[in-house]
Amino acid sequence: MTDKPEHLPERLAWLSDINAAKYLGMEVLSGQEAPPYIALNKLTEPLGDMGARSEVVPVRDLIDDVMHLFQNDTPTKADAWLAPRLHSVLRLRRSEAADSRLWNFLALAVAPDYVVWRHLPAKGRGDLPPMVAASRFRGPHYTQAFSRLWWAAELFRNGNDYGPVQVACGNQDVLNTVLRLDVIDHRPTAQALIRLVERGKVRTGREVNALARAVNTSASTLLYDVLAEDEAWDGSFLEEWIEEAESAPPVPRKILPEGPSDGPVPLEAVDGLVRRFDELFDEFVLVNGTSGPDSE
């Protein structure tokens, strides 16, 4: 199994998709060998002036802690713990988080052992050993091992409250299906979906998938941002939160951190969509039933 890198880089960096793909052979994907760290670091580009936000040690310490805390548990359960804390320790703007080069570097140069620990399947295919999907190292935002957690925290947090993120990341179908939907960029929609999961309206993976399909299908005819208007976003609170990274204490392990104080989602907007999505789900199940496998 891949070990922790012996010589961690001091700063986060960019690793291009092309260069990342060069080192995703069977040995790395199966965890039998570590990526060639020296060669990788020669291919990276500096992030620029990000100050404390680019320090590797706080991120690596968080990853060490999550693997220790969940070493005797199902790795999928680690997502709900790590997602809000990863978001809090990195303090990225969405434009920065949209750059796959950062996540490539984190997965290959900083924590490949975590990617293998979290995503290595129990069985291989045919005569091949079990292997992590390459997209967990280098892939879209809803699949890559670290990007998926950061974006889940960003899209499902309710202002500075990461509580809904824990609900979202506690259900793998929310991460694997709902995170792909464009409609969750609308904050009331994201909160309404999580409310239905939290109160038990949808429990199984099949039900979550059915809810996601119902909401996404209706989005073509219903404008959720009109039905449930969100307040205008004030980016100054995010910028203040980012600036505070220079003096912020370590991310707490036993309690949830606080995110940027950019305001909660209007309660009346969420309540209205919860009622609407409840109806959509019942109508969809009546016509189509629930189908598709539960996922890990």
C-alpha atoms as a PDB file:
ATOM      1  CA  MET A   1       0.000   0.000   0.000  1.00  0.00           C
ATOM      2  CA  THR A   2       1.220   3.510  -0.835  1.00  0.00           C
ATOM      3  CA  ASP A   3       3.032   5.166   2.072  1.00  0.00           C
ATOM      4  CA  LYS A   4       3.011   8.813   3.052  1.00  0.00           C
ATOM      5  CA  PRO A   5       5.576  10.810   1.026  1.00  0.00           C
ATOM      6  CA  GLU A   6       8.873  10.948   2.928  1.00  0.00           C
ATOM      7  CA  HIS A   7       9.715  14.449   1.766  1.00  0.00           C
ATOM      8  CA  LEU A   8       6.636  16.635   1.516  1.00  0.00           C
ATOM      9  CA  PRO A   9       6.799  19.785  -0.600  1.00  0.00           C
ATOM     10  CA  GLU A  10       6.514  22.932   1.490  1.00  0.00           C
ATOM     11  CA  ARG A  11       3.898  24.567  -0.722  1.00  0.00           C
ATOM     12  CA  LEU A  12       0.966  23.486  -2.824  1.00  0.00           C
ATOM     13  CA  ALA A  13       1.564  23.786  -6.546  1.00  0.00           C
ATOM     14  CA  TRP A  14      -0.018  23.119  -9.915  1.00  0.00           C
ATOM     15  CA  LEU A  15       0.403  19.819 -11.739  1.00  0.00           C
ATOM     16  CA  SER A  16      -1.068  19.787 -15.233  1.00  0.00           C
ATOM     17  CA  ASP A  17      -3.521  17.129 -16.363  1.00  0.00           C
ATOM     18  CA  ILE A  18      -1.076  15.883 -18.994  1.00  0.00           C
ATOM     19  CA  ASN A  19       1.785  15.513 -16.524  1.00  0.00           C
ATOM     20  CA  ALA A  20      -0.440  13.925 -13.900  1.00  0.00           C
ATOM     21  CA  ALA A  21      -1.635  11.302 -16.391  1.00  0.00           C
ATOM     22  CA  LYS A  22       1.945  10.203 -17.046  1.00  0.00           C
ATOM     23  CA  TYR A  23       2.220   8.756 -13.553  1.00  0.00           C
ATOM     24  CA  LEU A  24      -1.100   6.963 -13.253  1.00  0.00           C
ATOM     25  CA  GLY A  25       0.101   3.506 -14.163  1.00  0.00           C
ATOM     26  CA  MET A  26      -1.149   0.254 -12.683  1.00  0.00           C
ATOM     27  CA  GLU A  27       1.450   0.282  -9.887  1.00  0.00           C
ATOM     28  CA  VAL A  28       0.305   3.668  -8.584  1.00  0.00           C
ATOM     29  CA  LEU A  29      -3.418   2.991  -9.059  1.00  0.00           C
ATOM     30  CA  SER A  30      -3.154  -0.313  -7.198  1.00  0.00           C
ATOM     31  CA  GLY A  31      -1.145   1.237  -4.368  1.00  0.00           C
ATOM     32  CA  GLN A  32       1.792  -1.083  -4.998  1.00  0.00           C
ATOM     33  CA  GLU A  33       4.127   1.830  -5.671  1.00  0.00           C
ATOM     34  CA  ALA A  34       4.209   5.499  -4.769  1.00  0.00           C
ATOM     35  CA  PRO A  35       4.364   8.142  -7.496  1.00  0.00           C
ATOM     36  CA  PRO A  36       7.910   9.315  -8.313  1.00  0.00           C
ATOM     37  CA  TYR A  37       7.840  12.403  -6.107  1.00  0.00           C
ATOM     38  CA  ILE A  38      11.100  13.942  -7.276  1.00  0.00           C
ATOM     39  CA  ALA A  39      10.134  13.643 -10.931  1.00  0.00           C
ATOM     40  CA  LEU A  40       6.642  14.984 -10.193  1.00  0.00           C
ATOM     41  CA  ASN A  41       7.887  18.036  -8.363  1.00  0.00           C
ATOM     42  CA  LYS A  42      10.094  18.980 -11.289  1.00  0.00           C
ATOM     43  CA  LEU A  43       6.976  19.239 -13.443  1.00  0.00           C
ATOM     44  CA  THR A  44       4.958  21.480 -11.122  1.00  0.00           C
ATOM     45  CA  GLU A  45       4.294  25.200 -11.338  1.00  0.00           C
ATOM     46  CA  PRO A  46       4.134  27.534  -8.307  1.00  0.00           C
ATOM     47  CA  LEU A  47       0.700  28.775  -7.282  1.00  0.00           C
ATOM     48  CA  GLY A  48       1.811  32.335  -6.809  1.00  0.00           C
ATOM     49  CA  ASP A  49       1.315  34.482  -3.732  1.00  0.00           C
ATOM     50  CA  MET A  50      -1.241  32.578  -1.637  1.00  0.00           C
ATOM     51  CA  GLY A  51       0.515  32.974   1.699  1.00  0.00           C
ATOM     52  CA  ALA A  52      -0.481  30.546   4.438  1.00  0.00           C
ATOM     53  CA  ARG A  53      -3.156  29.008   2.213  1.00  0.00           C
ATOM     54  CA  SER A  54      -0.501  27.250   0.159  1.00  0.00           C
ATOM     55  CA  GLU A  55       1.236  25.567   3.101  1.00  0.00           C
ATOM     56  CA  VAL A  56       1.194  21.786   2.742  1.00  0.00           C
ATOM     57  CA  VAL A  57       1.669  20.762   6.386  1.00  0.00           C
ATOM     58  CA  PRO A  58      -1.829  21.786   7.657  1.00  0.00           C
ATOM     59  CA  VAL A  59      -3.448  19.869   4.800  1.00  0.00           C
ATOM     60  CA  ARG A  60      -1.253  16.827   5.277  1.00  0.00           C
ATOM     61  CA  ASP A  61      -1.869  16.807   9.045  1.00  0.00           C
ATOM     62  CA  LEU A  62      -5.610  16.803   8.378  1.00  0.00           C
ATOM     63  CA  ILE A  63      -5.254  13.845   6.030  1.00  0.00           C
ATOM     64  CA  ASP A  64      -3.139  11.930   8.546  1.00  0.00           C
ATOM     65  CA  ASP A  65      -5.786  12.546  11.187  1.00  0.00           C
ATOM     66  CA  VAL A  66      -8.730  11.397   9.088  1.00  0.00           C
ATOM     67  CA  MET A  67      -7.011   8.139   8.153  1.00  0.00           C
ATOM     68  CA  HIS A  68      -6.156   7.534  11.811  1.00  0.00           C
ATOM     69  CA  LEU A  69      -9.637   8.348  13.079  1.00  0.00           C
ATOM     70  CA  PHE A  70     -11.327   6.046  10.557  1.00  0.00           C
ATOM     71  CA  GLN A  71      -8.675   3.334  10.317  1.00  0.00           C
ATOM     72  CA  ASN A  72     -11.046   0.725  11.768  1.00  0.00           C
ATOM     73  CA  ASP A  73     -14.151   2.003  10.000  1.00  0.00           C
ATOM     74  CA  THR A  74     -15.544   2.037   6.483  1.00  0.00           C
ATOM     75  CA  PRO A  75     -13.513   4.666   4.557  1.00  0.00           C
ATOM     76  CA  THR A  76     -16.683   6.175   3.059  1.00  0.00           C
ATOM     77  CA  LYS A  77     -17.598   7.440   6.535  1.00  0.00           C
ATOM     78  CA  ALA A  78     -14.510   9.667   6.494  1.00  0.00           C
ATOM     79  CA  ASP A  79     -16.031  11.962   3.846  1.00  0.00           C
ATOM     80  CA  ALA A  80     -18.399  13.730   6.234  1.00  0.00           C
ATOM     81  CA  TRP A  81     -15.545  14.474   8.627  1.00  0.00           C
ATOM     82  CA  LEU A  82     -12.979  15.573   6.054  1.00  0.00           C
ATOM     83  CA  ALA A  83     -15.067  17.678   3.637  1.00  0.00           C
ATOM     84  CA  PRO A  84     -15.811  20.697   5.883  1.00  0.00           C
ATOM     85  CA  ARG A  85     -12.304  20.667   7.347  1.00  0.00           C
ATOM     86  CA  LEU A  86     -10.618  20.457   3.948  1.00  0.00           C
ATOM     87  CA  HIS A  87     -12.715  23.410   2.798  1.00  0.00           C
ATOM     88  CA  SER A  88     -11.772  25.350   5.919  1.00  0.00           C
ATOM     89  CA  VAL A  89      -8.048  24.656   5.776  1.00  0.00           C
ATOM     90  CA  LEU A  90      -7.686  25.540   2.078  1.00  0.00           C
ATOM     91  CA  ARG A  91      -9.890  28.673   2.007  1.00  0.00           C
ATOM     92  CA  LEU A  92     -10.148  28.856  -1.776  1.00  0.00           C
ATOM     93  CA  ARG A  93     -12.160  31.030  -4.088  1.00  0.00           C
ATOM     94  CA  ARG A  94     -14.302  29.084  -6.530  1.00  0.00           C
ATOM     95  CA  SER A  95     -12.105  30.248  -9.399  1.00  0.00           C
ATOM     96  CA  GLU A  96      -9.094  28.742  -7.637  1.00  0.00           C
ATOM     97  CA  ALA A  97     -10.891  25.504  -6.795  1.00  0.00           C
ATOM     98  CA  ALA A  98     -12.002  25.136 -10.422  1.00  0.00           C
ATOM     99  CA  ASP A  99      -8.366  24.620 -11.495  1.00  0.00           C
ATOM    100  CA  SER A 100      -7.798  20.866 -11.712  1.00  0.00           C
ATOM    101  CA  ARG A 101      -4.028  21.358 -11.486  1.00  0.00           C
ATOM    102  CA  LEU A 102      -4.269  22.034  -7.752  1.00  0.00           C
ATOM    103  CA  TRP A 103      -6.184  18.825  -7.075  1.00  0.00           C
ATOM    104  CA  ASN A 104      -3.825  16.806  -9.286  1.00  0.00           C
ATOM    105  CA  PHE A 105      -0.916  17.989  -7.177  1.00  0.00           C
ATOM    106  CA  LEU A 106      -2.682  17.284  -3.896  1.00  0.00           C
ATOM    107  CA  ALA A 107      -3.584  13.739  -4.959  1.00  0.00           C
ATOM    108  CA  LEU A 108      -0.239  12.743  -6.461  1.00  0.00           C
ATOM    109  CA  ALA A 109       2.401  14.776  -4.649  1.00  0.00           C
ATOM    110  CA  VAL A 110       0.895  15.306  -1.199  1.00  0.00           C
ATOM    111  CA  ALA A 111      -1.515  12.479  -0.347  1.00  0.00           C
ATOM    112  CA  PRO A 112      -1.616   9.561  -2.828  1.00  0.00           C
ATOM    113  CA  ASP A 113      -1.811   7.242   0.168  1.00  0.00           C
ATOM    114  CA  TYR A 114      -5.146   8.792   1.143  1.00  0.00           C
ATOM    115  CA  VAL A 115      -6.549   8.359  -2.383  1.00  0.00           C
ATOM    116  CA  VAL A 116      -5.656   4.662  -2.302  1.00  0.00           C
ATOM    117  CA  TRP A 117      -6.923   4.229   1.273  1.00  0.00           C
ATOM    118  CA  ARG A 118     -10.236   5.901   0.498  1.00  0.00           C
ATOM    119  CA  HIS A 119     -10.992   4.655  -3.006  1.00  0.00           C
ATOM    120  CA  LEU A 120      -9.270   1.285  -3.540  1.00  0.00           C
ATOM    121  CA  PRO A 121     -12.010  -1.273  -4.348  1.00  0.00           C
ATOM    122  CA  ALA A 122     -12.141  -4.586  -2.525  1.00  0.00           C
ATOM    123  CA  LYS A 123     -11.722  -6.631  -5.696  1.00  0.00           C
ATOM    124  CA  GLY A 124      -9.948  -6.290  -9.025  1.00  0.00           C
ATOM    125  CA  ARG A 125     -11.244  -7.182 -12.457  1.00  0.00           C
ATOM    126  CA  GLY A 126     -10.264 -10.514 -13.876  1.00  0.00           C
ATOM    127  CA  ASP A 127      -6.600 -11.223 -13.170  1.00  0.00           C
ATOM    128  CA  LEU A 128      -5.842  -7.561 -12.367  1.00  0.00           C
ATOM    129  CA  PRO A 129      -5.329  -6.381  -8.790  1.00  0.00           C
ATOM    130  CA  PRO A 130      -7.783  -3.911  -7.237  1.00  0.00           C
ATOM    131  CA  MET A 131      -7.081  -0.451  -8.638  1.00  0.00           C
ATOM    132  CA  VAL A 132      -8.303   3.041  -7.863  1.00  0.00           C
ATOM    133  CA  ALA A 133     -10.045   4.695 -10.797  1.00  0.00           C
ATOM    134  CA  ALA A 134      -7.641   7.178 -12.394  1.00  0.00           C
ATOM    135  CA  SER A 135     -10.328   9.860 -12.097  1.00  0.00           C
ATOM    136  CA  ARG A 136      -9.856   9.819  -8.313  1.00  0.00           C
ATOM    137  CA  PHE A 137      -6.367  11.223  -8.881  1.00  0.00           C
ATOM    138  CA  ARG A 138      -7.095  13.292 -11.969  1.00  0.00           C
ATOM    139  CA  GLY A 139     -10.737  13.823 -12.870  1.00  0.00           C
ATOM    140  CA  PRO A 140     -13.802  16.083 -12.847  1.00  0.00           C
ATOM    141  CA  HIS A 141     -14.713  18.033  -9.728  1.00  0.00           C
ATOM    142  CA  TYR A 142     -17.433  15.592  -8.707  1.00  0.00           C
ATOM    143  CA  THR A 143     -15.126  12.554  -8.908  1.00  0.00           C
ATOM    144  CA  GLN A 144     -11.566  13.584  -7.954  1.00  0.00           C
ATOM    145  CA  ALA A 145     -10.804  12.481  -4.398  1.00  0.00           C
ATOM    146  CA  PHE A 146     -10.231  15.924  -2.886  1.00  0.00           C
ATOM    147  CA  SER A 147     -12.079  18.185  -5.303  1.00  0.00           C
ATOM    148  CA  ARG A 148     -15.380  16.371  -4.703  1.00  0.00           C
ATOM    149  CA  LEU A 149     -15.125  17.001  -0.968  1.00  0.00           C
ATOM    150  CA  TRP A 150     -14.197  20.662  -1.322  1.00  0.00           C
ATOM    151  CA  TRP A 151     -17.034  21.340  -3.764  1.00  0.00           C
ATOM    152  CA  ALA A 152     -19.507  19.419  -1.612  1.00  0.00           C
ATOM    153  CA  ALA A 153     -18.565  21.666   1.314  1.00  0.00           C
ATOM    154  CA  GLU A 154     -18.801  24.798  -0.815  1.00  0.00           C
ATOM    155  CA  LEU A 155     -22.148  23.978  -2.393  1.00  0.00           C
ATOM    156  CA  PHE A 156     -23.911  22.499   0.627  1.00  0.00           C
ATOM    157  CA  ARG A 157     -22.703  24.785   3.433  1.00  0.00           C
ATOM    158  CA  ASN A 158     -25.335  27.183   4.732  1.00  0.00           C
ATOM    159  CA  GLY A 159     -23.289  30.328   5.125  1.00  0.00           C
ATOM    160  CA  ASN A 160     -20.729  29.578   7.830  1.00  0.00           C
ATOM    161  CA  ASP A 161     -22.608  26.441   8.941  1.00  0.00           C
ATOM    162  CA  TYR A 162     -21.056  23.196   7.707  1.00  0.00           C
ATOM    163  CA  GLY A 163     -23.792  21.047   9.280  1.00  0.00           C
ATOM    164  CA  PRO A 164     -25.579  20.397   5.963  1.00  0.00           C
ATOM    165  CA  VAL A 165     -22.234  19.338   4.466  1.00  0.00           C
ATOM    166  CA  GLN A 166     -22.023  16.482   6.934  1.00  0.00           C
ATOM    167  CA  VAL A 167     -25.498  15.343   5.899  1.00  0.00           C
ATOM    168  CA  ALA A 168     -24.585  15.553   2.205  1.00  0.00           C
ATOM    169  CA  CYS A 169     -21.295  13.702   2.590  1.00  0.00           C
ATOM    170  CA  GLY A 170     -22.864  11.082   4.812  1.00  0.00           C
ATOM    171  CA  ASN A 171     -24.757   9.775   1.788  1.00  0.00           C
ATOM    172  CA  GLN A 172     -22.584   8.605  -1.095  1.00  0.00           C
ATOM    173  CA  ASP A 173     -25.361   9.080  -3.627  1.00  0.00           C
ATOM    174  CA  VAL A 174     -25.522  12.768  -2.811  1.00  0.00           C
ATOM    175  CA  LEU A 175     -21.818  12.976  -3.620  1.00  0.00           C
ATOM    176  CA  ASN A 176     -21.973  10.675  -6.622  1.00  0.00           C
ATOM    177  CA  THR A 177     -25.196  11.975  -8.195  1.00  0.00           C
ATOM    178  CA  VAL A 178     -26.433  15.263  -6.771  1.00  0.00           C
ATOM    179  CA  LEU A 179     -22.998  16.893  -6.876  1.00  0.00           C
ATOM    180  CA  ARG A 180     -23.110  16.585 -10.682  1.00  0.00           C
ATOM    181  CA  LEU A 181     -26.285  18.667 -11.042  1.00  0.00           C
ATOM    182  CA  ASP A 182     -26.015  22.267 -12.168  1.00  0.00           C
ATOM    183  CA  VAL A 183     -29.101  23.172 -10.136  1.00  0.00           C
ATOM    184  CA  ILE A 184     -27.243  22.884  -6.827  1.00  0.00           C
ATOM    185  CA  ASP A 185     -25.368  26.078  -7.681  1.00  0.00           C
ATOM    186  CA  HIS A 186     -28.635  27.627  -6.478  1.00  0.00           C
ATOM    187  CA  ARG A 187     -28.246  27.682  -2.698  1.00  0.00           C
ATOM    188  CA  PRO A 188     -31.937  27.186  -1.754  1.00  0.00           C
ATOM    189  CA  THR A 189     -32.084  24.152  -4.045  1.00  0.00           C
ATOM    190  CA  ALA A 190     -29.021  22.613  -2.404  1.00  0.00           C
ATOM    191  CA  GLN A 191     -30.411  23.200   1.091  1.00  0.00           C
ATOM    192  CA  ALA A 192     -33.854  21.865   0.182  1.00  0.00           C
ATOM    193  CA  LEU A 193     -32.354  18.648  -1.189  1.00  0.00           C
ATOM    194  CA  ILE A 194     -30.333  18.147   1.968  1.00  0.00           C
ATOM    195  CA  ARG A 195     -33.372  18.902   4.139  1.00  0.00           C
ATOM    196  CA  LEU A 196     -35.250  16.013   2.507  1.00  0.00           C
ATOM    197  CA  VAL A 197     -32.296  13.687   3.125  1.00  0.00           C
ATOM    198  CA  GLU A 198     -31.919  14.876   6.711  1.00  0.00           C
ATOM    199  CA  ARG A 199     -35.562  14.414   7.661  1.00  0.00           C
ATOM    200  CA  GLY A 200     -35.688  10.930   6.128  1.00  0.00           C
ATOM    201  CA  LYS A 201     -37.923  11.621   3.139  1.00  0.00           C
ATOM    202  CA  VAL A 202     -35.238   9.927   1.034  1.00  0.00           C
ATOM    203  CA  ARG A 203     -33.075   7.313   2.702  1.00  0.00           C
ATOM    204  CA  THR A 204     -31.632   4.801   0.256  1.00  0.00           C
ATOM    205  CA  GLY A 205     -29.316   5.449  -2.631  1.00  0.00           C
ATOM    206  CA  ARG A 206     -32.116   4.597  -5.043  1.00  0.00           C
ATOM    207  CA  GLU A 207     -34.356   7.210  -3.453  1.00  0.00           C
ATOM    208  CA  VAL A 208     -31.640   9.868  -3.567  1.00  0.00           C
ATOM    209  CA  ASN A 209     -31.091   9.110  -7.245  1.00  0.00           C
ATOM    210  CA  ALA A 210     -34.832   9.334  -7.890  1.00  0.00           C
ATOM    211  CA  LEU A 211     -35.029  12.688  -6.107  1.00  0.00           C
ATOM    212  CA  ALA A 212     -32.066  13.996  -8.097  1.00  0.00           C
ATOM    213  CA  ARG A 213     -33.670  12.945 -11.379  1.00  0.00           C
ATOM    214  CA  ALA A 214     -37.014  14.482 -10.416  1.00  0.00           C
ATOM    215  CA  VAL A 215     -35.471  17.808  -9.427  1.00  0.00           C
ATOM    216  CA  ASN A 216     -33.151  17.938 -12.418  1.00  0.00           C
ATOM    217  CA  THR A 217     -35.916  17.064 -14.897  1.00  0.00           C
ATOM    218  CA  SER A 218     -38.213  19.735 -13.507  1.00  0.00           C
ATOM    219  CA  ALA A 219     -35.437  22.322 -13.691  1.00  0.00           C
ATOM    220  CA  SER A 220     -36.009  22.477 -17.445  1.00  0.00           C
ATOM    221  CA  THR A 221     -39.504  23.853 -16.898  1.00  0.00           C
ATOM    222  CA  LEU A 222     -39.322  25.440 -13.447  1.00  0.00           C
ATOM    223  CA  LEU A 223     -36.950  28.259 -12.622  1.00  0.00           C
ATOM    224  CA  TYR A 224     -35.914  27.520  -9.059  1.00  0.00           C
ATOM    225  CA  ASP A 225     -34.145  30.851  -8.673  1.00  0.00           C
ATOM    226  CA  VAL A 226     -37.494  32.534  -9.382  1.00  0.00           C
ATOM    227  CA  LEU A 227     -39.591  30.208  -7.234  1.00  0.00           C
ATOM    228  CA  ALA A 228     -37.128  30.531  -4.330  1.00  0.00           C
ATOM    229  CA  GLU A 229     -35.097  33.698  -4.580  1.00  0.00           C
ATOM    230  CA  ASP A 230     -31.738  33.787  -2.833  1.00  0.00           C
ATOM    231  CA  GLU A 231     -30.250  36.937  -1.356  1.00  0.00           C
ATOM    232  CA  ALA A 232     -27.578  38.756  -3.339  1.00  0.00           C
ATOM    233  CA  TRP A 233     -24.172  37.312  -2.502  1.00  0.00           C
ATOM    234  CA  ASP A 234     -21.625  39.621  -0.873  1.00  0.00           C
ATOM    235  CA  GLY A 235     -18.135  38.393  -1.734  1.00  0.00           C
ATOM    236  CA  SER A 236     -16.457  40.655   0.811  1.00  0.00           C
ATOM    237  CA  PHE A 237     -17.151  38.140   3.586  1.00  0.00           C
ATOM    238  CA  LEU A 238     -15.361  35.415   1.645  1.00  0.00           C
ATOM    239  CA  GLU A 239     -12.385  37.697   1.061  1.00  0.00           C
ATOM    240  CA  GLU A 240     -12.216  38.500   4.781  1.00  0.00           C
ATOM    241  CA  TRP A 241     -12.278  34.780   5.581  1.00  0.00           C
ATOM    242  CA  ILE A 242      -9.477  34.168   3.099  1.00  0.00           C
ATOM    243  CA  GLU A 243      -7.371  36.965   4.567  1.00  0.00           C
ATOM    244  CA  GLU A 244      -7.844  35.506   8.036  1.00  0.00           C
ATOM    245  CA  ALA A 245      -5.977  32.372   6.902  1.00  0.00           C
ATOM    246  CA  GLU A 246      -2.721  34.116   7.820  1.00  0.00           C
ATOM    247  CA  SER A 247      -3.613  34.088  11.511  1.00  0.00           C
ATOM    248  CA  ALA A 248      -6.223  31.331  11.733  1.00  0.00           C
ATOM    249  CA  PRO A 249      -5.703  28.576  14.343  1.00  0.00           C
ATOM    250  CA  PRO A 250      -5.555  24.936  13.230  1.00  0.00           C
ATOM    251  CA  VAL A 251      -8.841  23.555  11.954  1.00  0.00           C
ATOM    252  CA  PRO A 252     -10.669  21.956  14.903  1.00  0.00           C
ATOM    253  CA  ARG A 253     -10.922  18.192  14.916  1.00  0.00           C
ATOM    254  CA  LYS A 254     -13.658  17.570  17.497  1.00  0.00           C
ATOM    255  CA  ILE A 255     -16.097  20.307  16.482  1.00  0.00           C
ATOM    256  CA  LEU A 256     -17.026  21.693  13.098  1.00  0.00           C
ATOM    257  CA  PRO A 257     -15.078  24.723  11.874  1.00  0.00           C
ATOM    258  CA  GLU A 258     -16.878  27.841  10.737  1.00  0.00           C
ATOM    259  CA  GLY A 259     -16.971  28.779   7.071  1.00  0.00           C
ATOM    260  CA  PRO A 260     -17.121  32.263   5.567  1.00  0.00           C
ATOM    261  CA  SER A 261     -19.885  34.401   7.087  1.00  0.00           C
ATOM    262  CA  ASP A 262     -21.603  35.210   3.808  1.00  0.00           C
ATOM    263  CA  GLY A 263     -25.082  34.682   5.207  1.00  0.00           C
ATOM    264  CA  PRO A 264     -27.475  31.753   5.526  1.00  0.00           C
ATOM    265  CA  VAL A 265     -29.929  30.785   2.818  1.00  0.00           C
ATOM    266  CA  PRO A 266     -33.341  32.481   3.311  1.00  0.00           C
ATOM    267  CA  LEU A 267     -35.466  30.051   5.302  1.00  0.00           C
ATOM    268  CA  GLU A 268     -38.679  30.800   3.417  1.00  0.00           C
ATOM    269  CA  ALA A 269     -36.964  29.989   0.107  1.00  0.00           C
ATOM    270  CA  VAL A 270     -35.804  26.614   1.412  1.00  0.00           C
ATOM    271  CA  ASP A 271     -39.185  25.801   2.956  1.00  0.00           C
ATOM    272  CA  GLY A 272     -40.940  26.524  -0.333  1.00  0.00           C
ATOM    273  CA  LEU A 273     -38.626  24.287  -2.325  1.00  0.00           C
ATOM    274  CA  VAL A 274     -38.830  21.494   0.250  1.00  0.00           C
ATOM    275  CA  ARG A 275     -42.581  21.360  -0.276  1.00  0.00           C
ATOM    276  CA  ARG A 276     -42.148  21.455  -4.052  1.00  0.00           C
ATOM    277  CA  PHE A 277     -39.443  18.781  -4.129  1.00  0.00           C
ATOM    278  CA  ASP A 278     -41.471  16.584  -1.795  1.00  0.00           C
ATOM    279  CA  GLU A 279     -44.297  16.650  -4.329  1.00  0.00           C
ATOM    280  CA  LEU A 280     -41.957  16.137  -7.284  1.00  0.00           C
ATOM    281  CA  PHE A 281     -40.387  13.128  -5.623  1.00  0.00           C
ATOM    282  CA  ASP A 282     -43.751  11.480  -4.889  1.00  0.00           C
ATOM    283  CA  GLU A 283     -44.942  12.109  -8.460  1.00  0.00           C
ATOM    284  CA  PHE A 284     -41.704  10.790  -9.941  1.00  0.00           C
ATOM    285  CA  VAL A 285     -41.739   7.612  -7.838  1.00  0.00           C
ATOM    286  CA  LEU A 286     -45.402   7.013  -8.681  1.00  0.00           C
ATOM    287  CA  VAL A 287     -44.628   7.097 -12.403  1.00  0.00           C
ATOM    288  CA  ASN A 288     -41.098   5.707 -12.547  1.00  0.00           C
ATOM    289  CA  GLY A 289     -40.424   3.952  -9.266  1.00  0.00           C
ATOM    290  CA  THR A 290     -36.941   4.077  -7.764  1.00  0.00           C
ATOM    291  CA  SER A 291     -34.141   2.419  -9.683  1.00  0.00           C
ATOM    292  CA  GLY A 292     -30.402   2.246  -9.835  1.00  0.00           C
ATOM    293  CA  PRO A 293     -27.938   0.747  -7.353  1.00  0.00           C
ATOM    294  CA  ASP A 294     -27.029   2.198  -3.997  1.00  0.00           C
ATOM    295  CA  SER A 295     -23.449   3.366  -4.172  1.00  0.00           C
ATOM    296  CA  GLU A 296     -20.443   3.513  -1.937  1.00  0.00           C
END
